[in-house]
């Protein structure tokens, strides 16, 4: 058995097409698949909510960082971060008209100049999906 140099070990571990790179890609794909499942299950629960298209769930992608075995699970939708991490309370104003028109939770049409949005709690679909996918693949999940 010959001598193994640190640079050679780093090259083997960081090769995108090597065993470690393939395993990283597999885990990233499992996380993206589970995120889709979690998102479909966790959105649109109220009867007056509009029917969901599944666009948020279908937008999860796995991207590779060029030249490495690092993979990212991303969602390019503009509203994905607000759903994932939550939103602070804020005011919503009409931009293209003088009033906002919407149907409230009781089913009545409302016209107002602004709305005080109460904020929302983050749904953490990606975090939950990562825990589930890694636990399924390796049998355990450790945070430290």
N, C-alpha and C. Protein backbone atom coordinates (compact mmCIF):
# COMPACT_ATOMS: atom_id res chain seq x y z
N UNK A 1 0.84 -1.17 0.00
CA UNK A 1 0.00 0.00 0.00
C UNK A 1 0.89 1.23 0.00
N UNK A 2 0.65 2.13 -0.94
CA UNK A 2 1.47 3.32 -1.08
C UNK A 2 1.04 4.43 -0.16
N UNK A 3 1.83 5.47 -0.19
CA UNK A 3 1.55 6.63 0.65
C UNK A 3 0.43 7.46 0.01
N UNK A 4 -0.51 7.94 0.82
CA UNK A 4 -1.60 8.76 0.33
C UNK A 4 -1.37 10.20 0.77
N UNK A 5 -1.39 11.09 -0.18
CA UNK A 5 -1.13 12.49 0.08
C UNK A 5 -2.44 13.23 0.36
N UNK A 6 -2.41 14.26 1.22
CA UNK A 6 -3.63 15.01 1.53
C UNK A 6 -4.31 15.62 0.30
N UNK A 7 -3.52 16.11 -0.66
CA UNK A 7 -4.11 16.67 -1.87
C UNK A 7 -4.88 15.62 -2.65
N UNK A 8 -4.36 14.40 -2.66
CA UNK A 8 -5.04 13.31 -3.37
C UNK A 8 -6.35 12.95 -2.67
N UNK A 9 -6.35 12.95 -1.35
CA UNK A 9 -7.58 12.67 -0.59
C UNK A 9 -8.62 13.75 -0.87
N UNK A 10 -8.20 15.01 -0.86
CA UNK A 10 -9.13 16.11 -1.16
C UNK A 10 -9.67 16.00 -2.57
N UNK A 11 -8.83 15.64 -3.53
CA UNK A 11 -9.27 15.49 -4.91
C UNK A 11 -10.32 14.40 -5.02
N UNK A 12 -10.09 13.27 -4.36
CA UNK A 12 -11.04 12.15 -4.41
C UNK A 12 -12.37 12.53 -3.75
N UNK A 13 -12.28 13.19 -2.59
CA UNK A 13 -13.51 13.56 -1.88
C UNK A 13 -14.31 14.63 -2.60
N UNK A 14 -13.64 15.51 -3.33
CA UNK A 14 -14.34 16.62 -3.99
C UNK A 14 -14.67 16.39 -5.45
N UNK A 15 -14.38 15.20 -6.00
CA UNK A 15 -14.72 14.91 -7.39
C UNK A 15 -16.23 14.79 -7.54
N UNK A 16 -16.86 15.57 -8.43
CA UNK A 16 -18.31 15.48 -8.60
C UNK A 16 -18.78 14.10 -9.06
N UNK A 17 -17.98 13.42 -9.87
CA UNK A 17 -18.38 12.11 -10.39
C UNK A 17 -17.92 10.94 -9.53
N UNK A 18 -17.23 11.22 -8.43
CA UNK A 18 -16.75 10.16 -7.57
C UNK A 18 -17.84 9.63 -6.66
N UNK A 19 -17.46 8.66 -5.83
CA UNK A 19 -18.44 8.03 -4.94
C UNK A 19 -19.06 9.03 -3.97
N UNK A 20 -18.26 9.91 -3.40
CA UNK A 20 -18.78 10.90 -2.46
C UNK A 20 -19.71 11.87 -3.18
N UNK A 21 -19.31 12.32 -4.35
CA UNK A 21 -20.14 13.24 -5.13
C UNK A 21 -21.47 12.62 -5.52
N UNK A 22 -21.45 11.34 -5.91
CA UNK A 22 -22.69 10.65 -6.28
C UNK A 22 -23.61 10.51 -5.08
N UNK A 23 -23.04 10.22 -3.92
CA UNK A 23 -23.86 10.09 -2.70
C UNK A 23 -24.46 11.44 -2.31
N UNK A 24 -23.66 12.52 -2.43
CA UNK A 24 -24.18 13.86 -2.13
C UNK A 24 -25.33 14.22 -3.06
N UNK A 25 -25.19 13.89 -4.34
CA UNK A 25 -26.26 14.17 -5.31
C UNK A 25 -27.51 13.37 -4.99
N UNK A 26 -27.34 12.11 -4.63
CA UNK A 26 -28.48 11.26 -4.28
C UNK A 26 -29.24 11.83 -3.09
N UNK A 27 -28.51 12.24 -2.07
CA UNK A 27 -29.15 12.81 -0.88
C UNK A 27 -29.86 14.13 -1.24
N UNK A 28 -29.24 14.96 -2.06
CA UNK A 28 -29.87 16.22 -2.47
C UNK A 28 -31.16 15.96 -3.25
N UNK A 29 -31.15 14.95 -4.12
CA UNK A 29 -32.36 14.60 -4.87
C UNK A 29 -33.45 14.07 -3.95
N UNK A 30 -33.07 13.30 -2.94
CA UNK A 30 -34.05 12.81 -1.96
C UNK A 30 -34.67 13.97 -1.17
N UNK A 31 -33.84 14.94 -0.81
CA UNK A 31 -34.34 16.10 -0.07
C UNK A 31 -35.31 16.90 -0.94
N UNK A 32 -34.97 17.12 -2.21
CA UNK A 32 -35.86 17.86 -3.11
C UNK A 32 -37.19 17.13 -3.30
N UNK A 33 -37.14 15.82 -3.44
CA UNK A 33 -38.35 15.02 -3.60
C UNK A 33 -39.23 15.10 -2.35
N UNK A 34 -38.61 15.01 -1.18
CA UNK A 34 -39.36 15.09 0.07
C UNK A 34 -39.91 16.51 0.28
N UNK A 35 -39.17 17.54 -0.14
CA UNK A 35 -39.64 18.92 -0.02
C UNK A 35 -40.90 19.11 -0.87
N UNK A 36 -40.92 18.52 -2.05
CA UNK A 36 -42.11 18.59 -2.90
C UNK A 36 -43.30 17.94 -2.18
N UNK A 37 -43.07 16.77 -1.60
CA UNK A 37 -44.14 16.06 -0.90
C UNK A 37 -44.64 16.86 0.31
N UNK A 38 -43.72 17.42 1.09
CA UNK A 38 -44.08 18.20 2.27
C UNK A 38 -44.84 19.47 1.89
N UNK A 39 -44.42 20.13 0.80
CA UNK A 39 -45.07 21.35 0.36
C UNK A 39 -46.49 21.08 -0.12
N UNK A 40 -46.68 20.02 -0.88
CA UNK A 40 -48.02 19.67 -1.35
C UNK A 40 -48.94 19.34 -0.18
N UNK A 41 -48.41 18.67 0.83
CA UNK A 41 -49.22 18.27 1.98
C UNK A 41 -49.52 19.45 2.91
N UNK A 42 -48.66 20.46 2.93
CA UNK A 42 -48.77 21.51 3.92
C UNK A 42 -49.35 22.83 3.46
N UNK A 43 -49.85 22.94 2.22
CA UNK A 43 -50.38 24.21 1.75
C UNK A 43 -51.85 24.08 1.36
N UNK A 44 -52.58 25.18 1.47
CA UNK A 44 -53.96 25.25 1.01
C UNK A 44 -54.96 24.51 1.87
N UNK A 45 -54.94 24.72 3.18
CA UNK A 45 -55.82 23.98 4.08
C UNK A 45 -57.19 24.62 4.28
N UNK A 46 -57.33 25.93 4.06
CA UNK A 46 -58.60 26.60 4.34
C UNK A 46 -59.55 26.47 3.15
N UNK A 47 -60.88 26.25 3.38
CA UNK A 47 -61.81 26.05 2.27
C UNK A 47 -61.93 27.25 1.32
N UNK A 48 -61.68 28.49 1.81
CA UNK A 48 -61.78 29.66 0.93
C UNK A 48 -60.46 29.98 0.24
N UNK A 49 -59.41 29.24 0.53
CA UNK A 49 -58.15 29.43 -0.19
C UNK A 49 -58.35 29.02 -1.64
N UNK A 50 -57.63 29.69 -2.52
CA UNK A 50 -57.73 29.34 -3.93
C UNK A 50 -57.14 27.96 -4.16
N UNK A 51 -57.62 27.25 -5.19
CA UNK A 51 -57.03 25.95 -5.49
C UNK A 51 -55.54 26.10 -5.79
N UNK A 52 -54.75 25.21 -5.30
CA UNK A 52 -53.30 25.28 -5.46
C UNK A 52 -52.89 24.63 -6.77
N UNK A 53 -51.91 25.25 -7.42
CA UNK A 53 -51.41 24.72 -8.69
C UNK A 53 -50.26 23.76 -8.50
N UNK A 54 -49.61 23.80 -7.33
CA UNK A 54 -48.44 22.97 -7.10
C UNK A 54 -47.17 23.58 -7.64
N UNK A 55 -47.23 24.86 -8.05
CA UNK A 55 -46.05 25.51 -8.63
C UNK A 55 -44.91 25.60 -7.63
N UNK A 56 -45.20 25.91 -6.38
CA UNK A 56 -44.15 25.99 -5.36
C UNK A 56 -43.50 24.63 -5.16
N UNK A 57 -44.31 23.60 -5.06
CA UNK A 57 -43.79 22.25 -4.84
C UNK A 57 -42.98 21.76 -6.04
N UNK A 58 -43.43 22.07 -7.23
CA UNK A 58 -42.75 21.58 -8.44
C UNK A 58 -41.48 22.37 -8.78
N UNK A 59 -41.25 23.49 -8.10
CA UNK A 59 -40.11 24.35 -8.44
C UNK A 59 -38.81 23.94 -7.75
N UNK A 60 -38.84 23.00 -6.81
CA UNK A 60 -37.60 22.60 -6.12
C UNK A 60 -36.63 21.99 -7.13
N UNK A 61 -35.38 22.44 -7.07
CA UNK A 61 -34.33 21.99 -7.99
C UNK A 61 -33.07 21.66 -7.21
N UNK A 62 -32.29 20.76 -7.79
CA UNK A 62 -30.97 20.45 -7.22
C UNK A 62 -29.94 21.04 -8.16
N UNK A 63 -29.08 21.90 -7.62
CA UNK A 63 -28.03 22.54 -8.42
C UNK A 63 -26.67 22.14 -7.85
N UNK A 64 -25.71 21.97 -8.74
CA UNK A 64 -24.35 21.62 -8.33
C UNK A 64 -23.49 22.88 -8.36
N UNK A 65 -22.61 23.00 -7.38
CA UNK A 65 -21.63 24.07 -7.39
C UNK A 65 -20.51 23.59 -8.30
N UNK A 66 -20.24 24.29 -9.41
CA UNK A 66 -19.28 23.80 -10.40
C UNK A 66 -17.92 23.45 -9.80
N UNK A 67 -17.40 22.30 -10.20
CA UNK A 67 -16.07 21.86 -9.79
C UNK A 67 -16.00 21.24 -8.41
N UNK A 68 -17.13 21.05 -7.75
CA UNK A 68 -17.13 20.47 -6.40
C UNK A 68 -18.20 19.38 -6.33
N UNK A 69 -18.28 18.75 -5.16
CA UNK A 69 -19.37 17.80 -4.95
C UNK A 69 -20.43 18.41 -4.03
N UNK A 70 -20.54 19.75 -4.04
CA UNK A 70 -21.53 20.44 -3.24
C UNK A 70 -22.80 20.61 -4.06
N UNK A 71 -23.91 20.25 -3.47
CA UNK A 71 -25.19 20.37 -4.14
C UNK A 71 -26.11 21.24 -3.30
N UNK A 72 -26.96 22.03 -3.97
CA UNK A 72 -27.91 22.90 -3.28
C UNK A 72 -29.31 22.53 -3.73
N UNK A 73 -30.22 22.46 -2.77
CA UNK A 73 -31.64 22.31 -3.10
C UNK A 73 -32.22 23.71 -3.03
N UNK A 74 -32.73 24.22 -4.15
CA UNK A 74 -33.21 25.59 -4.22
C UNK A 74 -34.63 25.63 -4.76
N UNK A 75 -35.32 26.73 -4.49
CA UNK A 75 -36.63 26.99 -5.06
C UNK A 75 -36.60 28.41 -5.60
N UNK A 76 -36.61 28.59 -6.93
CA UNK A 76 -36.46 29.92 -7.52
C UNK A 76 -37.71 30.79 -7.47
N UNK A 77 -38.82 30.30 -6.95
CA UNK A 77 -40.04 31.12 -6.87
C UNK A 77 -39.80 32.32 -5.96
N UNK A 78 -40.35 33.48 -6.32
CA UNK A 78 -40.14 34.71 -5.56
C UNK A 78 -40.69 34.62 -4.13
N UNK A 79 -41.78 33.90 -3.97
CA UNK A 79 -42.43 33.82 -2.66
C UNK A 79 -41.97 32.64 -1.83
N UNK A 80 -41.07 31.83 -2.34
CA UNK A 80 -40.62 30.63 -1.63
C UNK A 80 -39.93 30.97 -0.30
N UNK A 81 -39.11 32.00 -0.29
CA UNK A 81 -38.40 32.37 0.94
C UNK A 81 -39.37 32.86 2.02
N UNK A 82 -40.40 33.60 1.61
CA UNK A 82 -41.38 34.09 2.59
C UNK A 82 -42.16 32.94 3.21
N UNK A 83 -42.44 31.91 2.44
CA UNK A 83 -43.16 30.75 2.97
C UNK A 83 -42.22 29.90 3.82
N UNK A 84 -41.00 29.73 3.37
CA UNK A 84 -40.02 28.91 4.10
C UNK A 84 -39.61 29.54 5.43
N UNK A 85 -39.26 30.82 5.41
CA UNK A 85 -38.72 31.49 6.59
C UNK A 85 -39.74 32.32 7.36
N UNK A 86 -40.89 32.62 6.76
CA UNK A 86 -41.89 33.45 7.40
C UNK A 86 -41.75 34.90 6.96
N UNK A 87 -42.70 35.73 7.40
CA UNK A 87 -42.69 37.15 7.03
C UNK A 87 -43.03 37.99 8.25
N UNK A 88 -42.43 39.15 8.35
CA UNK A 88 -42.72 40.09 9.43
C UNK A 88 -44.05 40.79 9.13
N UNK A 89 -44.71 41.31 10.16
CA UNK A 89 -45.92 42.11 9.92
C UNK A 89 -45.59 43.32 9.03
N UNK A 90 -46.46 43.61 8.06
CA UNK A 90 -46.21 44.72 7.15
C UNK A 90 -47.53 45.20 6.55
N UNK A 91 -47.50 46.34 5.88
CA UNK A 91 -48.67 46.92 5.24
C UNK A 91 -48.62 46.58 3.75
N UNK A 92 -49.75 46.14 3.21
CA UNK A 92 -49.87 45.87 1.78
C UNK A 92 -50.73 46.97 1.19
N UNK A 93 -50.20 47.68 0.19
CA UNK A 93 -50.94 48.76 -0.48
C UNK A 93 -51.14 48.40 -1.94
N UNK A 94 -52.19 48.97 -2.53
CA UNK A 94 -52.45 48.78 -3.96
C UNK A 94 -51.37 49.50 -4.77
N UNK A 95 -50.88 48.87 -5.80
CA UNK A 95 -49.85 49.50 -6.63
C UNK A 95 -50.40 49.95 -7.98
N UNK A 96 -51.27 49.15 -8.58
CA UNK A 96 -51.77 49.45 -9.92
C UNK A 96 -53.18 50.05 -9.91
N UNK A 97 -53.75 50.20 -8.74
CA UNK A 97 -55.10 50.70 -8.60
C UNK A 97 -55.19 51.51 -7.30
N UNK A 98 -56.33 52.13 -7.06
CA UNK A 98 -56.49 52.89 -5.82
C UNK A 98 -56.91 52.00 -4.66
N UNK A 99 -57.49 50.85 -4.95
CA UNK A 99 -57.94 49.95 -3.88
C UNK A 99 -57.52 48.51 -4.15
N UNK A 100 -57.46 47.75 -3.09
CA UNK A 100 -57.26 46.31 -3.18
C UNK A 100 -58.64 45.65 -3.14
N UNK A 101 -58.86 44.64 -3.94
CA UNK A 101 -60.13 43.91 -3.91
C UNK A 101 -59.82 42.44 -3.70
N UNK A 102 -60.48 41.84 -2.71
CA UNK A 102 -60.24 40.43 -2.40
C UNK A 102 -61.45 39.87 -1.69
N UNK A 103 -61.50 38.57 -1.61
CA UNK A 103 -62.55 37.87 -0.89
C UNK A 103 -62.02 37.48 0.48
N UNK A 104 -62.73 37.86 1.54
CA UNK A 104 -62.26 37.54 2.88
C UNK A 104 -62.61 36.09 3.25
N UNK A 105 -62.22 35.69 4.44
CA UNK A 105 -62.41 34.29 4.86
C UNK A 105 -63.88 33.90 5.01
N UNK A 106 -64.76 34.90 5.13
CA UNK A 106 -66.20 34.61 5.21
C UNK A 106 -66.84 34.54 3.83
N UNK A 107 -66.07 34.82 2.78
CA UNK A 107 -66.58 34.72 1.42
C UNK A 107 -67.09 36.02 0.85
N UNK A 108 -67.02 37.15 1.59
CA UNK A 108 -67.51 38.44 1.11
C UNK A 108 -66.40 39.17 0.36
N UNK A 109 -66.78 39.95 -0.68
CA UNK A 109 -65.82 40.77 -1.40
C UNK A 109 -65.53 42.02 -0.59
N UNK A 110 -64.27 42.40 -0.50
CA UNK A 110 -63.84 43.58 0.25
C UNK A 110 -63.02 44.48 -0.67
N UNK A 111 -63.18 45.81 -0.48
CA UNK A 111 -62.35 46.80 -1.19
C UNK A 111 -61.76 47.71 -0.12
N UNK A 112 -60.44 47.77 -0.08
CA UNK A 112 -59.76 48.61 0.90
C UNK A 112 -58.53 49.26 0.25
N UNK A 113 -58.04 50.33 0.87
CA UNK A 113 -56.85 51.00 0.32
C UNK A 113 -55.56 50.33 0.77
N UNK A 114 -55.59 49.71 1.97
CA UNK A 114 -54.41 48.98 2.42
C UNK A 114 -54.86 47.89 3.40
N UNK A 115 -53.95 46.95 3.64
CA UNK A 115 -54.22 45.84 4.56
C UNK A 115 -53.02 45.71 5.48
N UNK A 116 -53.27 45.55 6.78
CA UNK A 116 -52.20 45.25 7.73
C UNK A 116 -51.99 43.74 7.74
N UNK A 117 -50.94 43.31 7.09
CA UNK A 117 -50.63 41.87 7.07
C UNK A 117 -50.03 41.50 8.43
N UNK A 118 -50.56 40.47 9.09
CA UNK A 118 -50.08 40.14 10.44
C UNK A 118 -48.72 39.43 10.46
N UNK A 119 -48.19 39.09 9.29
CA UNK A 119 -46.97 38.31 9.24
C UNK A 119 -47.31 36.84 9.21
N UNK A 120 -46.32 36.01 9.06
CA UNK A 120 -46.57 34.58 9.04
C UNK A 120 -45.37 33.83 9.61
N UNK A 121 -45.66 32.67 10.12
CA UNK A 121 -44.62 31.81 10.68
C UNK A 121 -44.02 31.01 9.53
N UNK A 122 -42.72 30.80 9.55
CA UNK A 122 -42.06 30.00 8.53
C UNK A 122 -42.53 28.56 8.55
N UNK A 123 -42.75 28.00 7.37
CA UNK A 123 -43.25 26.63 7.27
C UNK A 123 -42.12 25.60 7.34
N UNK A 124 -40.88 26.00 7.01
CA UNK A 124 -39.68 25.15 7.13
C UNK A 124 -39.81 23.82 6.38
N UNK A 125 -40.32 23.89 5.13
CA UNK A 125 -40.46 22.68 4.33
C UNK A 125 -39.10 22.03 4.03
N UNK A 126 -38.10 22.86 3.68
CA UNK A 126 -36.78 22.31 3.35
C UNK A 126 -36.10 21.70 4.57
N UNK A 127 -36.18 22.37 5.70
CA UNK A 127 -35.54 21.85 6.91
C UNK A 127 -36.17 20.51 7.32
N UNK A 128 -37.49 20.45 7.31
CA UNK A 128 -38.19 19.22 7.64
C UNK A 128 -37.84 18.11 6.65
N UNK A 129 -37.81 18.47 5.37
CA UNK A 129 -37.50 17.49 4.33
C UNK A 129 -36.10 16.94 4.47
N UNK A 130 -35.15 17.79 4.83
CA UNK A 130 -33.77 17.35 5.02
C UNK A 130 -33.69 16.34 6.15
N UNK A 131 -34.36 16.63 7.25
CA UNK A 131 -34.34 15.70 8.39
C UNK A 131 -34.96 14.36 8.01
N UNK A 132 -36.09 14.39 7.32
CA UNK A 132 -36.77 13.15 6.93
C UNK A 132 -35.92 12.35 5.95
N UNK A 133 -35.40 13.01 4.91
CA UNK A 133 -34.63 12.31 3.88
C UNK A 133 -33.35 11.68 4.44
N UNK A 134 -32.64 12.43 5.28
CA UNK A 134 -31.39 11.92 5.85
C UNK A 134 -31.67 10.77 6.82
N UNK A 135 -32.75 10.90 7.60
CA UNK A 135 -33.11 9.82 8.53
C UNK A 135 -33.49 8.56 7.77
N UNK A 136 -34.23 8.71 6.67
CA UNK A 136 -34.59 7.54 5.86
C UNK A 136 -33.35 6.88 5.24
N UNK A 137 -32.43 7.71 4.78
CA UNK A 137 -31.24 7.18 4.08
C UNK A 137 -30.25 6.53 5.05
N UNK A 138 -30.01 7.18 6.18
CA UNK A 138 -28.95 6.71 7.07
C UNK A 138 -29.44 6.21 8.41
N UNK A 139 -30.72 6.32 8.69
CA UNK A 139 -31.26 5.78 9.92
C UNK A 139 -31.19 6.71 11.12
N UNK A 140 -30.51 7.83 11.02
CA UNK A 140 -30.40 8.75 12.15
C UNK A 140 -30.04 10.13 11.62
N UNK A 141 -30.30 11.12 12.45
CA UNK A 141 -29.96 12.49 12.10
C UNK A 141 -29.40 13.17 13.34
N UNK A 142 -28.20 13.75 13.21
CA UNK A 142 -27.56 14.45 14.34
C UNK A 142 -27.36 15.90 13.98
N UNK A 143 -27.61 16.78 14.93
CA UNK A 143 -27.41 18.21 14.68
C UNK A 143 -26.03 18.69 15.13
N UNK A 144 -25.30 17.89 15.91
CA UNK A 144 -23.98 18.35 16.36
C UNK A 144 -22.93 17.32 16.08
